[in-house]
Protein backbone atom coordinates (compact mmCIF):
# COMPACT_ATOMS: atom_id res chain seq x y z
CA UNK A 1 -57.85 35.51 27.58
CA UNK A 2 -57.69 33.91 30.70
CA UNK A 3 -59.11 30.20 31.54
CA UNK A 4 -61.84 30.40 34.35
CA UNK A 5 -62.55 27.57 36.89
CA UNK A 6 -65.15 27.00 39.40
CA UNK A 7 -64.90 25.73 42.67
CA UNK A 8 -67.84 24.50 44.60
CA UNK A 9 -67.16 23.75 47.97
CA UNK A 10 -68.69 24.80 51.05
CA UNK A 11 -65.38 24.96 53.02
CA UNK A 12 -65.07 29.25 53.19
CA UNK A 13 -61.36 28.46 54.18
CA UNK A 14 -60.48 26.37 51.75
CA UNK A 15 -62.45 28.35 48.91
CA UNK A 16 -60.33 31.24 49.62
CA UNK A 17 -57.33 29.35 49.69
CA UNK A 18 -57.57 27.97 45.93
CA UNK A 19 -58.98 31.01 44.89
CA UNK A 20 -55.39 32.80 45.52
CA UNK A 21 -53.85 29.61 44.46
CA UNK A 22 -55.43 29.51 41.40
CA UNK A 23 -55.30 33.40 40.48
CA UNK A 24 -51.38 33.19 41.29
CA UNK A 25 -51.36 30.66 38.06
CA UNK A 26 -53.04 33.07 35.76
CA UNK A 27 -56.64 31.31 36.15
CA UNK A 28 -59.89 33.30 36.85
CA UNK A 29 -61.51 31.74 39.43
CA UNK A 30 -65.61 32.02 40.59
CA UNK A 31 -66.38 30.13 44.02
CA UNK A 32 -69.56 28.89 45.09
CA UNK A 33 -70.21 27.49 48.74
CA UNK A 34 -73.18 25.24 47.61
CA UNK A 35 -74.33 22.92 44.87
CA UNK A 36 -77.69 24.87 43.85
CA UNK A 37 -75.09 28.23 43.57
CA UNK A 38 -72.87 26.74 41.87
CA UNK A 39 -75.17 25.05 38.76
CA UNK A 40 -76.70 28.35 38.84
CA UNK A 41 -73.19 30.08 38.22
CA UNK A 42 -72.36 27.06 35.19
CA UNK A 43 -75.90 28.43 33.84
CA UNK A 44 -74.66 31.86 33.12
CA UNK A 45 -70.96 31.41 32.31
CA UNK A 46 -68.38 29.40 30.52
CA UNK A 47 -65.38 27.67 32.77
CA UNK A 48 -62.70 25.73 31.58
CA UNK A 49 -62.74 23.66 34.60
CA UNK A 50 -64.90 22.55 37.94
CA UNK A 51 -63.36 21.88 41.26
CA UNK A 52 -66.00 20.19 43.18
CA UNK A 53 -66.61 19.36 46.42
CA UNK A 54 -68.17 15.52 47.25
CA UNK A 55 -69.38 16.53 51.41
CA UNK A 56 -71.70 19.52 51.11
CA UNK A 57 -75.18 20.24 53.03
CA UNK A 58 -78.12 20.02 50.73
CA UNK A 59 -76.90 19.27 47.45
CA UNK A 60 -74.01 16.89 47.43
CA UNK A 61 -71.28 16.54 45.08
CA UNK A 62 -72.45 13.89 43.29
CA UNK A 63 -75.88 15.35 42.67
CA UNK A 64 -74.19 18.20 41.26
CA UNK A 65 -71.75 15.97 38.92
CA UNK A 66 -75.25 14.30 37.61
CA UNK A 67 -76.22 17.84 36.76
CA UNK A 68 -73.30 19.22 34.92
CA UNK A 69 -72.97 16.18 33.24
CA UNK A 70 -76.47 16.44 31.59
CA UNK A 71 -75.17 19.15 29.08
CA UNK A 72 -72.09 19.77 29.74
CA UNK A 73 -68.32 17.81 29.16
CA UNK A 74 -65.80 20.24 30.95
CA UNK A 75 -63.16 18.99 33.16
CA UNK A 76 -64.34 18.04 36.54
CA UNK A 77 -62.01 17.57 39.55
CA UNK A 78 -63.30 16.11 42.44
CA UNK A 79 -62.54 16.65 45.99
CA UNK A 80 -63.34 14.57 49.24
CA UNK A 81 -62.45 14.66 52.73
CA UNK A 82 -62.35 11.12 52.87
CA UNK A 83 -60.60 8.10 51.20
CA UNK A 84 -63.23 6.14 50.69
CA UNK A 85 -62.69 4.40 47.41
CA UNK A 86 -66.39 3.84 46.53
CA UNK A 87 -66.83 8.03 46.49
CA UNK A 88 -64.19 8.13 43.83
CA UNK A 89 -65.72 5.18 41.66
CA UNK A 90 -69.35 6.39 42.49
CA UNK A 91 -67.88 9.83 40.85
CA UNK A 92 -65.39 8.59 37.93
CA UNK A 93 -68.87 6.69 36.86
CA UNK A 94 -71.00 9.54 36.59
CA UNK A 95 -68.57 11.63 34.55
CA UNK A 96 -65.64 13.02 36.87
CA UNK A 97 -62.34 13.53 35.09
CA UNK A 98 -60.14 13.28 38.18
CA UNK A 99 -60.34 12.64 41.96
CA UNK A 100 -58.11 14.06 44.66
CA UNK A 101 -58.57 13.48 48.73
CA UNK A 102 -58.28 15.98 51.33
CA UNK A 103 -55.97 16.92 52.89
CA UNK A 104 -53.80 17.42 49.68
CA UNK A 105 -50.92 19.47 48.68
CA UNK A 106 -51.34 22.43 46.37
CA UNK A 107 -48.52 21.21 44.11
CA UNK A 108 -50.34 18.17 43.35
CA UNK A 109 -53.48 20.30 43.09
CA UNK A 110 -52.30 22.55 40.63
CA UNK A 111 -49.96 20.09 38.74
CA UNK A 112 -53.63 18.05 38.28
CA UNK A 113 -55.78 21.25 37.19
CA UNK A 114 -53.21 22.19 34.62
CA UNK A 115 -52.98 18.78 33.15
CA UNK A 116 -56.88 18.89 32.54
CA UNK A 117 -57.17 22.20 31.41
CA UNK A 118 -54.66 21.54 28.95
CA UNK A 119 -56.26 18.46 27.84
CA UNK A 120 -59.31 20.25 27.16
CA UNK A 121 -58.26 23.23 25.33
CA UNK A 122 -56.08 21.50 22.95
CA UNK A 123 -58.24 18.61 22.08
CA UNK A 124 -61.15 21.45 21.70
CA UNK A 125 -58.63 24.25 19.83
CA UNK A 126 -55.94 22.20 18.06
CA UNK A 127 -57.32 18.73 17.47
CA UNK A 128 -54.93 16.33 16.20
CA UNK A 129 -56.62 15.26 13.20
CA UNK A 130 -59.39 17.68 11.55
CA UNK A 131 -60.83 14.38 10.22
CA UNK A 132 -63.56 12.08 11.22
CA UNK A 133 -62.71 8.66 12.79
CA UNK A 134 -65.04 6.13 11.17
CA UNK A 135 -65.48 2.41 12.56
CA UNK A 136 -68.49 1.01 11.11
CA UNK A 137 -71.66 2.76 12.80
CA UNK A 138 -69.46 5.06 15.29
CA UNK A 139 -68.07 8.58 14.24
CA UNK A 140 -65.80 10.73 16.01
CA UNK A 141 -65.27 14.49 14.93
CA UNK A 142 -61.95 15.68 16.25
CA UNK A 143 -62.69 19.28 15.30
CA UNK A 144 -65.95 19.21 17.54
CA UNK A 145 -65.14 16.42 20.33
CA UNK A 146 -68.04 14.96 18.72
CA UNK A 147 -68.84 11.11 18.91
CA UNK A 148 -71.68 9.70 16.94
CA UNK A 149 -73.09 5.93 16.73
CA UNK A 150 -75.30 5.48 14.36
CA UNK A 151 -76.14 9.31 14.11
CA UNK A 152 -77.21 9.78 18.08
CA UNK A 153 -74.60 11.80 19.95
CA UNK A 154 -73.29 10.18 22.60
CA UNK A 155 -72.28 12.85 25.62
CA UNK A 156 -68.81 11.89 26.82
CA UNK A 157 -66.74 13.24 28.90
CA UNK A 158 -63.41 14.80 28.20
CA UNK A 159 -61.42 11.94 29.70
CA UNK A 160 -63.56 9.87 28.22
CA UNK A 161 -63.11 11.55 24.61
CA UNK A 162 -59.51 11.49 25.27
CA UNK A 163 -59.35 7.47 25.51
CA UNK A 164 -61.82 6.59 22.66
CA UNK A 165 -59.79 8.88 20.08
CA UNK A 166 -56.57 7.63 21.37
CA UNK A 167 -57.70 4.17 21.02
CA UNK A 168 -59.44 4.85 17.71
CA UNK A 169 -56.24 6.31 16.30
CA UNK A 170 -54.45 3.37 17.33
CA UNK A 171 -56.47 0.73 15.61
CA UNK A 172 -54.98 -2.98 16.03
CA UNK A 173 -52.47 -2.09 18.42
CA UNK A 174 -52.60 -3.59 22.15
CA UNK A 175 -51.46 -1.01 24.84
CA UNK A 176 -50.48 -1.59 28.58
CA UNK A 177 -52.19 0.10 31.75
CA UNK A 178 -49.05 1.86 31.55
CA UNK A 179 -48.90 3.67 28.24
CA UNK A 180 -53.09 4.03 28.22
CA UNK A 181 -52.30 6.65 31.16
CA UNK A 182 -49.23 8.27 29.56
CA UNK A 183 -50.98 8.91 26.67
CA UNK A 184 -54.26 10.18 27.70
CA UNK A 185 -53.85 11.27 31.13
CA UNK A 186 -50.61 13.00 30.03
CA UNK A 187 -48.93 11.90 33.32
CA UNK A 188 -46.34 9.51 34.97
CA UNK A 189 -48.16 6.31 35.88
CA UNK A 190 -49.44 6.23 39.27
CA UNK A 191 -50.71 2.38 39.59
CA UNK A 192 -54.11 3.51 39.81
CA UNK A 193 -55.67 0.61 37.98
CA UNK A 194 -59.11 1.12 39.26
CA UNK A 195 -59.07 4.71 37.47
CA UNK A 196 -58.47 3.79 33.92
CA UNK A 197 -60.63 0.48 34.34
CA UNK A 198 -64.06 2.92 35.62
CA UNK A 199 -63.12 5.36 32.20
CA UNK A 200 -62.94 2.08 29.99
CA UNK A 201 -66.07 0.46 31.81
CA UNK A 202 -67.77 3.56 31.56
CA UNK A 203 -67.14 4.25 27.85
CA UNK A 204 -68.10 0.46 26.71
CA UNK A 205 -71.47 0.90 28.82
CA UNK A 206 -72.31 4.29 26.22
């Protein structure tokens, strides 16, 4: 069974290019050219990743991201035509799992897509530890990728869950940012301290 990707972007030509690229990688692809259409597609179909543009008319990517995170924890890769650091920070704080700035190489995008879907599918289908991990009032249930505090579910993004699970299953240990990035992002450290710290701050707040 192929993994399904939803692309939400108003750039028709870019969508065609990404569609061909992702299909060549073996993915099933659906395309929406605005935020409303994208949310409608998400409400009726199951996807394993969303590629979401920030700059769109009517309903921008940040608004779409906020709506998605109310009910779903699927990986979200944000696209932006700007190198604006604030766009990146806002997107990550609201639940984006990764971020790439246009123009980008297809090889880089493909690598990020593979990484996000691999993490999502592995943790969802083959958890490393079937037993719950409990720290006081906090409980982590790997089989269901569920986290609860005092019995109340906490909605986490895929990357937030990965980060919490990694730290919780290595209690008492101190990790460098490089070690965290390699274990949680499953990639070579890119010296993007802000990416790691945004996820940690968001996780602490939740």
